Amino acid sequence: MPADNDSVISEQAFLRVAAANGLDTSDEDRMADLRGRVALMRQGLERLYEIDVSGAESPSVFIPERE
């Protein structure tokens, strides 16, 4: 699991990332709501790192037709 998942992003860092992605960071209530939603999403995504897929093979994307 990536090391940054162990820590919560600071408000200042979140606002810098939001601004760098073109979001209007002047609405404090909206940014607080968005930061909470992002935190919930990260918690949900952390579960994906617990899935062991080491023995699984990816399916072939292209299987040519046989005549």
Protein backbone atom coordinates (compact mmCIF):
# COMPACT_ATOMS: atom_id res chain seq x y z
CA MET A 1 0.00 0.00 0.00
CA PRO A 2 1.34 3.45 -0.80
CA ALA A 3 2.74 5.28 2.19
CA ASP A 4 0.63 8.40 1.62
CA ASN A 5 -2.58 6.44 2.40
CA ASP A 6 -1.46 6.28 6.03
CA SER A 7 -1.84 10.02 6.50
CA VAL A 8 -4.71 12.44 5.95
CA ILE A 9 -4.02 15.25 3.51
CA SER A 10 -3.80 18.65 5.21
CA GLU A 11 -6.31 21.36 4.36
CA GLN A 12 -3.60 23.53 2.79
CA ALA A 13 -2.32 20.67 0.64
CA PHE A 14 -5.86 19.80 -0.44
CA LEU A 15 -6.52 23.41 -1.44
CA ARG A 16 -3.27 23.56 -3.43
CA VAL A 17 -4.20 20.39 -5.32
CA ALA A 18 -7.75 21.66 -5.91
CA ALA A 19 -6.48 25.00 -7.21
CA ALA A 20 -3.89 23.30 -9.42
CA ASN A 21 -6.74 21.31 -10.98
CA GLY A 22 -8.72 24.44 -11.79
CA LEU A 23 -11.23 24.40 -8.93
CA ASP A 24 -12.46 27.63 -7.34
CA THR A 25 -11.13 27.35 -3.79
CA SER A 26 -12.73 30.58 -2.54
CA ASP A 27 -15.94 28.80 -1.41
CA GLU A 28 -14.81 27.38 1.94
CA ASP A 29 -17.98 25.35 2.57
CA ARG A 30 -17.75 23.70 -0.84
CA MET A 31 -14.08 22.89 -0.37
CA ALA A 32 -14.74 21.40 3.09
CA ASP A 33 -17.50 19.23 1.61
CA LEU A 34 -15.28 18.12 -1.26
CA ARG A 35 -12.38 17.34 1.08
CA GLY A 36 -14.69 15.15 3.17
CA ARG A 37 -15.90 13.32 0.07
CA VAL A 38 -12.34 12.75 -1.10
CA ALA A 39 -11.40 11.37 2.33
CA LEU A 40 -14.33 8.91 2.20
CA MET A 41 -13.36 7.84 -1.31
CA ARG A 42 -9.77 7.23 -0.23
CA GLN A 43 -10.98 5.06 2.66
CA GLY A 44 -13.02 2.97 0.26
CA LEU A 45 -10.17 2.63 -2.21
CA GLU A 46 -7.75 1.49 0.51
CA ARG A 47 -9.64 -1.83 0.58
CA LEU A 48 -8.49 -2.53 -2.97
CA TYR A 49 -4.91 -2.81 -1.75
CA GLU A 50 -5.94 -5.70 0.51
CA ILE A 51 -7.03 -7.89 -2.43
CA ASP A 52 -4.43 -10.52 -3.31
CA VAL A 53 -4.32 -10.91 -7.08
CA SER A 54 -0.83 -12.38 -7.24
CA GLY A 55 -2.09 -15.75 -8.51
CA ALA A 56 -4.54 -14.36 -11.04
CA GLU A 57 -3.83 -14.04 -14.73
CA SER A 58 -5.38 -11.24 -16.71
CA PRO A 59 -7.79 -12.41 -19.42
CA SER A 60 -6.83 -11.95 -23.03
CA VAL A 61 -8.37 -8.80 -24.39
CA PHE A 62 -8.28 -9.97 -27.99
CA ILE A 63 -9.22 -13.45 -29.05
CA PRO A 64 -9.23 -13.84 -32.84
CA GLU A 65 -12.12 -15.69 -34.44
CA ARG A 66 -11.42 -19.13 -35.83
CA GLU A 67 -12.74 -20.06 -39.23
